[in-house]
Amino acid sequence: GFLVKVPAGGVYLFRGQVAGRALGLLLLGG
C-alpha cells in the first residue's frame, strides 16, 4: 500500500491539498 500510493501522495503535496496541522495531529496518535 505504501509503494503504490506514494505517487498519489506526491501529487496531493504538490497541489497543496494536504493540511499540515491536521496531519501532524493525526500522526501524533496514529
PDB file of all heavy atoms in Angstrom:
ATOM      1  N   GLY A   1       0.815  -1.208   0.000  1.00  0.00           N
ATOM      2  CA  GLY A   1       0.000   0.000   0.000  1.00  0.00           C
ATOM      3  C   GLY A   1       0.846   1.254   0.000  1.00  0.00           C
ATOM      4  O   GLY A   1       0.521   2.240  -0.677  1.00  0.00           O
ATOM      5  N   PHE A   2       1.936   1.237   0.753  1.00  0.00           N
ATOM      6  CA  PHE A   2       2.831   2.396   0.769  1.00  0.00           C
ATOM      7  C   PHE A   2       3.416   2.655  -0.617  1.00  0.00           C
ATOM      8  O   PHE A   2       3.396   3.787  -1.119  1.00  0.00           O
ATOM      9  CB  PHE A   2       3.953   2.166   1.782  1.00  0.00           C
ATOM     10  CG  PHE A   2       5.035   3.206   1.724  1.00  0.00           C
ATOM     11  CD1 PHE A   2       4.836   4.460   2.285  1.00  0.00           C
ATOM     12  CD2 PHE A   2       6.242   2.938   1.094  1.00  0.00           C
ATOM     13  CE1 PHE A   2       5.832   5.432   2.223  1.00  0.00           C
ATOM     14  CE2 PHE A   2       7.235   3.895   1.027  1.00  0.00           C
ATOM     15  CZ  PHE A   2       7.026   5.156   1.589  1.00  0.00           C
ATOM     16  N   LEU A   3       3.912   1.603  -1.257  1.00  0.00           N
ATOM     17  CA  LEU A   3       4.579   1.768  -2.550  1.00  0.00           C
ATOM     18  C   LEU A   3       3.628   2.267  -3.634  1.00  0.00           C
ATOM     19  O   LEU A   3       3.978   3.144  -4.426  1.00  0.00           O
ATOM     20  CB  LEU A   3       5.212   0.438  -2.977  1.00  0.00           C
ATOM     21  CG  LEU A   3       6.416  -0.029  -2.132  1.00  0.00           C
ATOM     22  CD1 LEU A   3       6.825  -1.442  -2.527  1.00  0.00           C
ATOM     23  CD2 LEU A   3       7.588   0.922  -2.275  1.00  0.00           C
ATOM     24  N   VAL A   4       2.416   1.719  -3.680  1.00  0.00           N
ATOM     25  CA  VAL A   4       1.511   2.088  -4.776  1.00  0.00           C
ATOM     26  C   VAL A   4       0.849   3.451  -4.552  1.00  0.00           C
ATOM     27  O   VAL A   4       0.349   4.061  -5.505  1.00  0.00           O
ATOM     28  CB  VAL A   4       0.425   1.011  -5.018  1.00  0.00           C
ATOM     29  CG1 VAL A   4       1.057  -0.313  -5.399  1.00  0.00           C
ATOM     30  CG2 VAL A   4      -0.488   0.852  -3.817  1.00  0.00           C
ATOM     31  N   LYS A   5       0.862   3.950  -3.298  1.00  0.00           N
ATOM     32  CA  LYS A   5       0.215   5.233  -3.029  1.00  0.00           C
ATOM     33  C   LYS A   5       1.187   6.408  -3.001  1.00  0.00           C
ATOM     34  O   LYS A   5       0.743   7.565  -2.931  1.00  0.00           O
ATOM     35  CB  LYS A   5      -0.540   5.171  -1.699  1.00  0.00           C
ATOM     36  CG  LYS A   5      -1.829   4.366  -1.772  1.00  0.00           C
ATOM     37  CD  LYS A   5      -2.604   4.472  -0.477  1.00  0.00           C
ATOM     38  CE  LYS A   5      -3.952   3.780  -0.573  1.00  0.00           C
ATOM     39  NZ  LYS A   5      -4.730   3.905   0.667  1.00  0.00           N
ATOM     40  N   VAL A   6       2.491   6.138  -3.034  1.00  0.00           N
ATOM     41  CA  VAL A   6       3.474   7.227  -2.994  1.00  0.00           C
ATOM     42  C   VAL A   6       3.261   8.237  -4.127  1.00  0.00           C
ATOM     43  O   VAL A   6       3.272   9.458  -3.886  1.00  0.00           O
ATOM     44  CB  VAL A   6       4.911   6.667  -3.008  1.00  0.00           C
ATOM     45  CG1 VAL A   6       5.922   7.749  -3.375  1.00  0.00           C
ATOM     46  CG2 VAL A   6       5.261   6.096  -1.645  1.00  0.00           C
ATOM     47  N   PRO A   7       3.075   7.799  -5.387  1.00  0.00           N
ATOM     48  CA  PRO A   7       2.863   8.798  -6.453  1.00  0.00           C
ATOM     49  C   PRO A   7       1.662   9.702  -6.199  1.00  0.00           C
ATOM     50  O   PRO A   7       1.737  10.919  -6.393  1.00  0.00           O
ATOM     51  CB  PRO A   7       2.658   7.934  -7.706  1.00  0.00           C
ATOM     52  CG  PRO A   7       3.361   6.651  -7.402  1.00  0.00           C
ATOM     53  CD  PRO A   7       3.128   6.429  -5.943  1.00  0.00           C
ATOM     54  N   ALA A   8       0.545   9.131  -5.753  1.00  0.00           N
ATOM     55  CA  ALA A   8      -0.641   9.941  -5.477  1.00  0.00           C
ATOM     56  C   ALA A   8      -0.385  10.912  -4.337  1.00  0.00           C
ATOM     57  O   ALA A   8      -0.820  12.077  -4.373  1.00  0.00           O
ATOM     58  CB  ALA A   8      -1.835   9.042  -5.145  1.00  0.00           C
ATOM     59  N   GLY A   9       0.336  10.462  -3.306  1.00  0.00           N
ATOM     60  CA  GLY A   9       0.669  11.345  -2.198  1.00  0.00           C
ATOM     61  C   GLY A   9       1.497  12.532  -2.652  1.00  0.00           C
ATOM     62  O   GLY A   9       1.292  13.666  -2.201  1.00  0.00           O
ATOM     63  N   GLY A  10       2.436  12.276  -3.565  1.00  0.00           N
ATOM     64  CA  GLY A  10       3.247  13.361  -4.106  1.00  0.00           C
ATOM     65  C   GLY A  10       2.414  14.381  -4.858  1.00  0.00           C
ATOM     66  O   GLY A  10       2.660  15.595  -4.774  1.00  0.00           O
ATOM     67  N   VAL A  11       1.411  13.906  -5.584  1.00  0.00           N
ATOM     68  CA  VAL A  11       0.535  14.811  -6.340  1.00  0.00           C
ATOM     69  C   VAL A  11      -0.239  15.730  -5.392  1.00  0.00           C
ATOM     70  O   VAL A  11      -0.321  16.947  -5.611  1.00  0.00           O
ATOM     71  CB  VAL A  11      -0.443  14.010  -7.223  1.00  0.00           C
ATOM     72  CG1 VAL A  11      -1.513  14.931  -7.806  1.00  0.00           C
ATOM     73  CG2 VAL A  11       0.311  13.299  -8.337  1.00  0.00           C
ATOM     74  N   TYR A  12      -0.805  15.169  -4.319  1.00  0.00           N
ATOM     75  CA  TYR A  12      -1.558  15.984  -3.373  1.00  0.00           C
ATOM     76  C   TYR A  12      -0.667  16.994  -2.660  1.00  0.00           C
ATOM     77  O   TYR A  12      -1.070  18.134  -2.412  1.00  0.00           O
ATOM     78  CB  TYR A  12      -2.270  15.090  -2.350  1.00  0.00           C
ATOM     79  CG  TYR A  12      -3.568  14.524  -2.854  1.00  0.00           C
ATOM     80  CD1 TYR A  12      -3.636  13.248  -3.405  1.00  0.00           C
ATOM     81  CD2 TYR A  12      -4.742  15.271  -2.795  1.00  0.00           C
ATOM     82  CE1 TYR A  12      -4.831  12.726  -3.878  1.00  0.00           C
ATOM     83  CE2 TYR A  12      -5.941  14.758  -3.263  1.00  0.00           C
ATOM     84  CZ  TYR A  12      -5.977  13.492  -3.806  1.00  0.00           C
ATOM     85  OH  TYR A  12      -7.163  12.997  -4.286  1.00  0.00           O
ATOM     86  N   LEU A  13       0.568  16.595  -2.336  1.00  0.00           N
ATOM     87  CA  LEU A  13       1.511  17.530  -1.733  1.00  0.00           C
ATOM     88  C   LEU A  13       1.839  18.668  -2.694  1.00  0.00           C
ATOM     89  O   LEU A  13       1.857  19.840  -2.309  1.00  0.00           O
ATOM     90  CB  LEU A  13       2.797  16.797  -1.333  1.00  0.00           C
ATOM     91  CG  LEU A  13       2.828  16.119   0.036  1.00  0.00           C
ATOM     92  CD1 LEU A  13       4.122  15.337   0.199  1.00  0.00           C
ATOM     93  CD2 LEU A  13       2.683  17.146   1.156  1.00  0.00           C
ATOM     94  N   PHE A  14       2.112  18.320  -3.934  1.00  0.00           N
ATOM     95  CA  PHE A  14       2.475  19.318  -4.942  1.00  0.00           C
ATOM     96  C   PHE A  14       1.347  20.327  -5.150  1.00  0.00           C
ATOM     97  O   PHE A  14       1.591  21.524  -5.368  1.00  0.00           O
ATOM     98  CB  PHE A  14       2.815  18.615  -6.256  1.00  0.00           C
ATOM     99  CG  PHE A  14       3.186  19.553  -7.374  1.00  0.00           C
ATOM    100  CD1 PHE A  14       4.429  20.159  -7.398  1.00  0.00           C
ATOM    101  CD2 PHE A  14       2.280  19.829  -8.385  1.00  0.00           C
ATOM    102  CE1 PHE A  14       4.774  21.034  -8.414  1.00  0.00           C
ATOM    103  CE2 PHE A  14       2.613  20.703  -9.414  1.00  0.00           C
ATOM    104  CZ  PHE A  14       3.860  21.310  -9.429  1.00  0.00           C
ATOM    105  N   ARG A  15       0.107  19.855  -5.061  1.00  0.00           N
ATOM    106  CA  ARG A  15      -1.049  20.731  -5.269  1.00  0.00           C
ATOM    107  C   ARG A  15      -1.434  21.508  -4.015  1.00  0.00           C
ATOM    108  O   ARG A  15      -2.371  22.308  -4.041  1.00  0.00           O
ATOM    109  CB  ARG A  15      -2.251  19.893  -5.724  1.00  0.00           C
ATOM    110  CG  ARG A  15      -2.112  19.301  -7.120  1.00  0.00           C
ATOM    111  CD  ARG A  15      -3.323  18.456  -7.452  1.00  0.00           C
ATOM    112  NE  ARG A  15      -3.254  17.919  -8.811  1.00  0.00           N
ATOM    113  CZ  ARG A  15      -4.111  17.030  -9.301  1.00  0.00           C
ATOM    114  NH1 ARG A  15      -5.104  16.564  -8.530  1.00  0.00           N
ATOM    115  NH2 ARG A  15      -4.000  16.587 -10.540  1.00  0.00           N
ATOM    116  N   GLY A  16      -0.739  21.274  -2.916  1.00  0.00           N
ATOM    117  CA  GLY A  16      -1.069  21.966  -1.674  1.00  0.00           C
ATOM    118  C   GLY A  16      -2.360  21.504  -1.044  1.00  0.00           C
ATOM    119  O   GLY A  16      -3.016  22.258  -0.315  1.00  0.00           O
ATOM    120  N   GLN A  17      -2.736  20.242  -1.294  1.00  0.00           N
ATOM    121  CA  GLN A  17      -4.002  19.712  -0.789  1.00  0.00           C
ATOM    122  C   GLN A  17      -3.796  18.792   0.414  1.00  0.00           C
ATOM    123  O   GLN A  17      -4.485  17.787   0.583  1.00  0.00           O
ATOM    124  CB  GLN A  17      -4.740  18.976  -1.914  1.00  0.00           C
ATOM    125  CG  GLN A  17      -5.197  19.923  -3.018  1.00  0.00           C
ATOM    126  CD  GLN A  17      -5.809  19.201  -4.197  1.00  0.00           C
ATOM    127  OE1 GLN A  17      -5.533  18.032  -4.435  1.00  0.00           O
ATOM    128  NE2 GLN A  17      -6.636  19.899  -4.961  1.00  0.00           N
ATOM    129  N   VAL A  18      -2.830  19.155   1.248  1.00  0.00           N
ATOM    130  CA  VAL A  18      -2.567  18.444   2.498  1.00  0.00           C
ATOM    131  C   VAL A  18      -2.546  19.476   3.629  1.00  0.00           C
ATOM    132  O   VAL A  18      -1.815  20.470   3.541  1.00  0.00           O
ATOM    133  CB  VAL A  18      -1.239  17.680   2.459  1.00  0.00           C
ATOM    134  CG1 VAL A  18      -0.944  17.053   3.827  1.00  0.00           C
ATOM    135  CG2 VAL A  18      -1.261  16.617   1.374  1.00  0.00           C
ATOM    136  N   ALA A  19      -3.356  19.271   4.663  1.00  0.00           N
ATOM    137  CA  ALA A  19      -3.408  20.191   5.804  1.00  0.00           C
ATOM    138  C   ALA A  19      -2.341  19.764   6.812  1.00  0.00           C
ATOM    139  O   ALA A  19      -2.495  18.745   7.501  1.00  0.00           O
ATOM    140  CB  ALA A  19      -4.792  20.160   6.438  1.00  0.00           C
ATOM    141  N   GLY A  20      -1.265  20.540   6.902  1.00  0.00           N
ATOM    142  CA  GLY A  20      -0.129  20.152   7.728  1.00  0.00           C
ATOM    143  C   GLY A  20      -0.460  19.996   9.205  1.00  0.00           C
ATOM    144  O   GLY A  20      -0.020  19.052   9.855  1.00  0.00           O
ATOM    145  N   ARG A  21      -1.247  20.926   9.765  1.00  0.00           N
ATOM    146  CA  ARG A  21      -1.575  20.851  11.198  1.00  0.00           C
ATOM    147  C   ARG A  21      -2.414  19.615  11.503  1.00  0.00           C
ATOM    148  O   ARG A  21      -2.151  18.895  12.474  1.00  0.00           O
ATOM    149  CB  ARG A  21      -2.323  22.109  11.627  1.00  0.00           C
ATOM    150  CG  ARG A  21      -2.735  22.115  13.097  1.00  0.00           C
ATOM    151  CD  ARG A  21      -3.281  23.480  13.503  1.00  0.00           C
ATOM    152  NE  ARG A  21      -3.725  23.479  14.882  1.00  0.00           N
ATOM    153  CZ  ARG A  21      -4.976  23.239  15.269  1.00  0.00           C
ATOM    154  NH1 ARG A  21      -5.902  22.974  14.345  1.00  0.00           N
ATOM    155  NH2 ARG A  21      -5.317  23.261  16.546  1.00  0.00           N
ATOM    156  N   ALA A  22      -3.430  19.368  10.670  1.00  0.00           N
ATOM    157  CA  ALA A  22      -4.278  18.195  10.884  1.00  0.00           C
ATOM    158  C   ALA A  22      -3.468  16.907  10.732  1.00  0.00           C
ATOM    159  O   ALA A  22      -3.634  15.958  11.508  1.00  0.00           O
ATOM    160  CB  ALA A  22      -5.450  18.197   9.903  1.00  0.00           C
ATOM    161  N   LEU A  23      -2.570  16.876   9.741  1.00  0.00           N
ATOM    162  CA  LEU A  23      -1.727  15.695   9.551  1.00  0.00           C
ATOM    163  C   LEU A  23      -0.841  15.451  10.761  1.00  0.00           C
ATOM    164  O   LEU A  23      -0.681  14.313  11.216  1.00  0.00           O
ATOM    165  CB  LEU A  23      -0.867  15.868   8.289  1.00  0.00           C
ATOM    166  CG  LEU A  23       0.112  14.736   7.981  1.00  0.00           C
ATOM    167  CD1 LEU A  23      -0.622  13.420   7.770  1.00  0.00           C
ATOM    168  CD2 LEU A  23       0.954  15.083   6.747  1.00  0.00           C
ATOM    169  N   GLY A  24      -0.264  16.515  11.311  1.00  0.00           N
ATOM    170  CA  GLY A  24       0.579  16.370  12.499  1.00  0.00           C
ATOM    171  C   GLY A  24      -0.186  15.813  13.684  1.00  0.00           C
ATOM    172  O   GLY A  24       0.330  14.958  14.424  1.00  0.00           O
ATOM    173  N   LEU A  25      -1.416  16.292  13.888  1.00  0.00           N
ATOM    174  CA  LEU A  25      -2.240  15.794  14.988  1.00  0.00           C
ATOM    175  C   LEU A  25      -2.617  14.327  14.782  1.00  0.00           C
ATOM    176  O   LEU A  25      -2.655  13.540  15.738  1.00  0.00           O
ATOM    177  CB  LEU A  25      -3.496  16.648  15.138  1.00  0.00           C
ATOM    178  CG  LEU A  25      -3.280  18.070  15.664  1.00  0.00           C
ATOM    179  CD1 LEU A  25      -4.561  18.888  15.567  1.00  0.00           C
ATOM    180  CD2 LEU A  25      -2.774  18.040  17.103  1.00  0.00           C
ATOM    181  N   LEU A  26      -2.896  13.967  13.532  1.00  0.00           N
ATOM    182  CA  LEU A  26      -3.197  12.559  13.237  1.00  0.00           C
ATOM    183  C   LEU A  26      -1.998  11.669  13.533  1.00  0.00           C
ATOM    184  O   LEU A  26      -2.133  10.603  14.142  1.00  0.00           O
ATOM    185  CB  LEU A  26      -3.603  12.413  11.771  1.00  0.00           C
ATOM    186  CG  LEU A  26      -4.976  12.936  11.359  1.00  0.00           C
ATOM    187  CD1 LEU A  26      -5.131  12.900   9.839  1.00  0.00           C
ATOM    188  CD2 LEU A  26      -6.091  12.136  12.020  1.00  0.00           C
ATOM    189  N   LEU A  27      -0.837  12.107  13.110  1.00  0.00           N
ATOM    190  CA  LEU A  27       0.371  11.296  13.312  1.00  0.00           C
ATOM    191  C   LEU A  27       0.747  11.206  14.791  1.00  0.00           C
ATOM    192  O   LEU A  27       1.329  10.215  15.220  1.00  0.00           O
ATOM    193  CB  LEU A  27       1.533  11.877  12.504  1.00  0.00           C
ATOM    194  CG  LEU A  27       1.383  11.796  10.986  1.00  0.00           C
ATOM    195  CD1 LEU A  27       2.548  12.500  10.294  1.00  0.00           C
ATOM    196  CD2 LEU A  27       1.304  10.343  10.528  1.00  0.00           C
ATOM    197  N   LEU A  28       0.415  12.238  15.564  1.00  0.00           N
ATOM    198  CA  LEU A  28       0.708  12.225  16.998  1.00  0.00           C
ATOM    199  C   LEU A  28       0.066  11.024  17.687  1.00  0.00           C
ATOM    200  O   LEU A  28       0.655  10.411  18.585  1.00  0.00           O
ATOM    201  CB  LEU A  28       0.195  13.527  17.625  1.00  0.00           C
ATOM    202  CG  LEU A  28       0.478  13.735  19.123  1.00  0.00           C
ATOM    203  CD1 LEU A  28       1.976  13.832  19.370  1.00  0.00           C
ATOM    204  CD2 LEU A  28      -0.226  14.991  19.623  1.00  0.00           C
ATOM    205  N   GLY A  29      -1.134  10.674  17.270  1.00  0.00           N
ATOM    206  CA  GLY A  29      -1.785   9.489  17.828  1.00  0.00           C
ATOM    207  C   GLY A  29      -1.603   8.253  16.979  1.00  0.00           C
ATOM    208  O   GLY A  29      -1.491   7.132  17.498  1.00  0.00           O
ATOM    209  N   GLY A  30      -1.551   8.429  15.651  1.00  0.00           N
ATOM    210  CA  GLY A  30      -1.528   7.279  14.752  1.00  0.00           C
ATOM    211  C   GLY A  30      -0.237   6.491  14.776  1.00  0.00           C
ATOM    212  O   GLY A  30      -0.255   5.251  14.701  1.00  0.00           O
TER     213      GLY A  30
END
